[in-house]
Amino acid sequence: MQAIAHLRYLRVSPRKVKIVLDLIRNKDLREALAILANTPKLVCRDVEKLVKSAAANAENNHGMDPKKLYVAECFACPGPTLKRIRPRAKGSAARVLKRTSHITVVLKEREE
């Protein structure tokens, strides 16, 4: 049994999100939340809320024991890219790509 939570259209590049997700993969729920609370990255706040949401899904929807939960999978996929322009010299323009992410967290129970 597994509990899944998704976060769509987060306005952070997937490359920056993956750095944080690599820190919590295969960690116990409490340890993952402690890592997210003490890591000085802006995206940690959003990932922490997502992990708590997945834990609530596991406990309330699937009847799983919160003490046995661990982060089985977590990944970030690129979402749609917002294309903007920035004025440059001699009337030209440069394109600015504002990337978005779709994040998925999967929690499972440890087998004792």
C-alpha atoms as a PDB file:
ATOM      1  CA  MET A   1       0.000   0.000   0.000  1.00  0.00           C
ATOM      2  CA  GLN A   2       1.203   3.505  -0.798  1.00  0.00           C
ATOM      3  CA  ALA A   3       0.073   7.084  -0.339  1.00  0.00           C
ATOM      4  CA  ILE A   4       0.679   9.654  -3.053  1.00  0.00           C
ATOM      5  CA  ALA A   5       0.605  13.464  -3.060  1.00  0.00           C
ATOM      6  CA  HIS A   6       1.139  15.743  -6.064  1.00  0.00           C
ATOM      7  CA  LEU A   7       2.107  19.399  -6.326  1.00  0.00           C
ATOM      8  CA  ARG A   8       1.483  20.885  -9.753  1.00  0.00           C
ATOM      9  CA  TYR A   9       2.717  24.097 -11.403  1.00  0.00           C
ATOM     10  CA  LEU A  10       5.215  25.101  -8.715  1.00  0.00           C
ATOM     11  CA  ARG A  11       7.101  28.160  -9.962  1.00  0.00           C
ATOM     12  CA  VAL A  12      10.564  26.699  -9.307  1.00  0.00           C
ATOM     13  CA  SER A  13      12.837  25.004 -11.813  1.00  0.00           C
ATOM     14  CA  PRO A  14      12.825  21.169 -11.596  1.00  0.00           C
ATOM     15  CA  ARG A  15      16.611  21.256 -11.373  1.00  0.00           C
ATOM     16  CA  LYS A  16      16.417  23.146  -8.059  1.00  0.00           C
ATOM     17  CA  VAL A  17      13.673  20.894  -6.709  1.00  0.00           C
ATOM     18  CA  LYS A  18      15.609  17.689  -7.470  1.00  0.00           C
ATOM     19  CA  ILE A  19      18.454  18.803  -5.200  1.00  0.00           C
ATOM     20  CA  VAL A  20      16.061  18.842  -2.229  1.00  0.00           C
ATOM     21  CA  LEU A  21      14.262  15.626  -3.224  1.00  0.00           C
ATOM     22  CA  ASP A  22      17.575  13.735  -3.356  1.00  0.00           C
ATOM     23  CA  LEU A  23      18.079  14.599   0.329  1.00  0.00           C
ATOM     24  CA  ILE A  24      14.869  12.927   1.521  1.00  0.00           C
ATOM     25  CA  ARG A  25      14.561   9.899  -0.771  1.00  0.00           C
ATOM     26  CA  ASN A  26      14.374   6.564   1.184  1.00  0.00           C
ATOM     27  CA  LYS A  27      14.336   8.362   4.560  1.00  0.00           C
ATOM     28  CA  ASP A  28      11.848   7.800   7.388  1.00  0.00           C
ATOM     29  CA  LEU A  29       9.023  10.327   7.589  1.00  0.00           C
ATOM     30  CA  ARG A  30      10.301  12.067  10.738  1.00  0.00           C
ATOM     31  CA  GLU A  31      13.856  12.221   9.414  1.00  0.00           C
ATOM     32  CA  ALA A  32      12.682  13.621   6.064  1.00  0.00           C
ATOM     33  CA  LEU A  33      10.643  16.342   7.772  1.00  0.00           C
ATOM     34  CA  ALA A  34      13.620  17.237   9.999  1.00  0.00           C
ATOM     35  CA  ILE A  35      15.898  17.510   6.950  1.00  0.00           C
ATOM     36  CA  LEU A  36      13.392  19.751   5.159  1.00  0.00           C
ATOM     37  CA  ALA A  37      12.940  21.971   8.208  1.00  0.00           C
ATOM     38  CA  ASN A  38      16.703  22.562   8.514  1.00  0.00           C
ATOM     39  CA  THR A  39      17.729  22.915   4.868  1.00  0.00           C
ATOM     40  CA  PRO A  40      18.153  26.545   3.740  1.00  0.00           C
ATOM     41  CA  LYS A  41      16.465  26.194   0.335  1.00  0.00           C
ATOM     42  CA  LEU A  42      13.317  28.129  -0.550  1.00  0.00           C
ATOM     43  CA  VAL A  43      11.621  25.115  -2.104  1.00  0.00           C
ATOM     44  CA  CYS A  44      11.917  23.113   1.155  1.00  0.00           C
ATOM     45  CA  ARG A  45       8.828  24.826   2.537  1.00  0.00           C
ATOM     46  CA  ASP A  46       6.687  23.605  -0.368  1.00  0.00           C
ATOM     47  CA  VAL A  47       8.150  20.090  -0.335  1.00  0.00           C
ATOM     48  CA  GLU A  48       7.588  19.871   3.437  1.00  0.00           C
ATOM     49  CA  LYS A  49       3.909  20.726   2.983  1.00  0.00           C
ATOM     50  CA  LEU A  50       3.681  18.096   0.255  1.00  0.00           C
ATOM     51  CA  VAL A  51       5.263  15.384   2.437  1.00  0.00           C
ATOM     52  CA  LYS A  52       2.883  16.258   5.291  1.00  0.00           C
ATOM     53  CA  SER A  53      -0.028  16.017   2.852  1.00  0.00           C
ATOM     54  CA  ALA A  54       1.113  12.569   1.710  1.00  0.00           C
ATOM     55  CA  ALA A  55       1.418  11.502   5.371  1.00  0.00           C
ATOM     56  CA  ALA A  56      -2.126  12.712   6.065  1.00  0.00           C
ATOM     57  CA  ASN A  57      -3.358  10.797   3.001  1.00  0.00           C
ATOM     58  CA  ALA A  58      -1.622   7.650   4.264  1.00  0.00           C
ATOM     59  CA  GLU A  59      -3.084   7.925   7.738  1.00  0.00           C
ATOM     60  CA  ASN A  60      -6.636   9.055   6.930  1.00  0.00           C
ATOM     61  CA  ASN A  61      -7.351   7.466   3.537  1.00  0.00           C
ATOM     62  CA  HIS A  62      -5.342   4.227   3.746  1.00  0.00           C
ATOM     63  CA  GLY A  63      -5.156   3.567   7.499  1.00  0.00           C
ATOM     64  CA  MET A  64      -1.351   3.289   7.490  1.00  0.00           C
ATOM     65  CA  ASP A  65       0.770   3.626  10.651  1.00  0.00           C
ATOM     66  CA  PRO A  66       2.574   7.026  10.580  1.00  0.00           C
ATOM     67  CA  LYS A  67       5.512   5.643  12.587  1.00  0.00           C
ATOM     68  CA  LYS A  68       6.357   3.117   9.852  1.00  0.00           C
ATOM     69  CA  LEU A  69       6.154   5.514   6.900  1.00  0.00           C
ATOM     70  CA  TYR A  70       9.120   6.375   4.692  1.00  0.00           C
ATOM     71  CA  VAL A  71       9.614   8.330   1.454  1.00  0.00           C
ATOM     72  CA  ALA A  72       9.662   5.530  -1.116  1.00  0.00           C
ATOM     73  CA  GLU A  73       9.679   7.722  -4.234  1.00  0.00           C
ATOM     74  CA  CYS A  74       9.929  11.420  -4.926  1.00  0.00           C
ATOM     75  CA  PHE A  75      10.516  13.079  -8.255  1.00  0.00           C
ATOM     76  CA  ALA A  76      10.055  16.371 -10.082  1.00  0.00           C
ATOM     77  CA  CYS A  77       8.957  16.664 -13.688  1.00  0.00           C
ATOM     78  CA  PRO A  78       9.035  19.843 -15.752  1.00  0.00           C
ATOM     79  CA  GLY A  79       5.735  21.661 -16.072  1.00  0.00           C
ATOM     80  CA  PRO A  80       4.854  24.285 -18.668  1.00  0.00           C
ATOM     81  CA  THR A  81       7.436  26.995 -19.247  1.00  0.00           C
ATOM     82  CA  LEU A  82       6.315  30.629 -19.143  1.00  0.00           C
ATOM     83  CA  LYS A  83       8.039  32.593 -21.906  1.00  0.00           C
ATOM     84  CA  ARG A  84       8.763  36.258 -21.225  1.00  0.00           C
ATOM     85  CA  ILE A  85      10.941  38.837 -22.957  1.00  0.00           C
ATOM     86  CA  ARG A  86      13.535  41.211 -21.568  1.00  0.00           C
ATOM     87  CA  PRO A  87      14.578  44.359 -23.453  1.00  0.00           C
ATOM     88  CA  ARG A  88      18.159  44.346 -24.699  1.00  0.00           C
ATOM     89  CA  ALA A  89      20.416  46.757 -26.559  1.00  0.00           C
ATOM     90  CA  LYS A  90      19.418  48.422 -29.858  1.00  0.00           C
ATOM     91  CA  GLY A  91      15.731  47.586 -29.571  1.00  0.00           C
ATOM     92  CA  SER A  92      16.201  43.832 -29.488  1.00  0.00           C
ATOM     93  CA  ALA A  93      14.778  41.423 -26.946  1.00  0.00           C
ATOM     94  CA  ALA A  94      16.019  38.346 -25.102  1.00  0.00           C
ATOM     95  CA  ARG A  95      13.757  35.498 -24.073  1.00  0.00           C
ATOM     96  CA  VAL A  96      13.426  34.643 -20.380  1.00  0.00           C
ATOM     97  CA  LEU A  97      12.184  31.145 -19.566  1.00  0.00           C
ATOM     98  CA  LYS A  98      10.296  30.881 -16.277  1.00  0.00           C
ATOM     99  CA  ARG A  99      10.187  27.168 -15.567  1.00  0.00           C
ATOM    100  CA  THR A 100       7.623  25.292 -13.499  1.00  0.00           C
ATOM    101  CA  SER A 101       7.630  21.873 -11.791  1.00  0.00           C
ATOM    102  CA  HIS A 102       5.255  19.029 -11.031  1.00  0.00           C
ATOM    103  CA  ILE A 103       6.376  17.220  -7.836  1.00  0.00           C
ATOM    104  CA  THR A 104       5.212  13.777  -6.710  1.00  0.00           C
ATOM    105  CA  VAL A 105       5.881  12.150  -3.319  1.00  0.00           C
ATOM    106  CA  VAL A 106       5.060   8.498  -2.566  1.00  0.00           C
ATOM    107  CA  LEU A 107       5.060   7.177   1.011  1.00  0.00           C
ATOM    108  CA  LYS A 108       5.051   3.484   1.926  1.00  0.00           C
ATOM    109  CA  GLU A 109       5.131   1.472   5.150  1.00  0.00           C
ATOM    110  CA  ARG A 110       8.355  -0.251   6.178  1.00  0.00           C
ATOM    111  CA  GLU A 111       8.224  -4.009   6.507  1.00  0.00           C
ATOM    112  CA  GLU A 112       9.459  -5.061   9.952  1.00  0.00           C
END
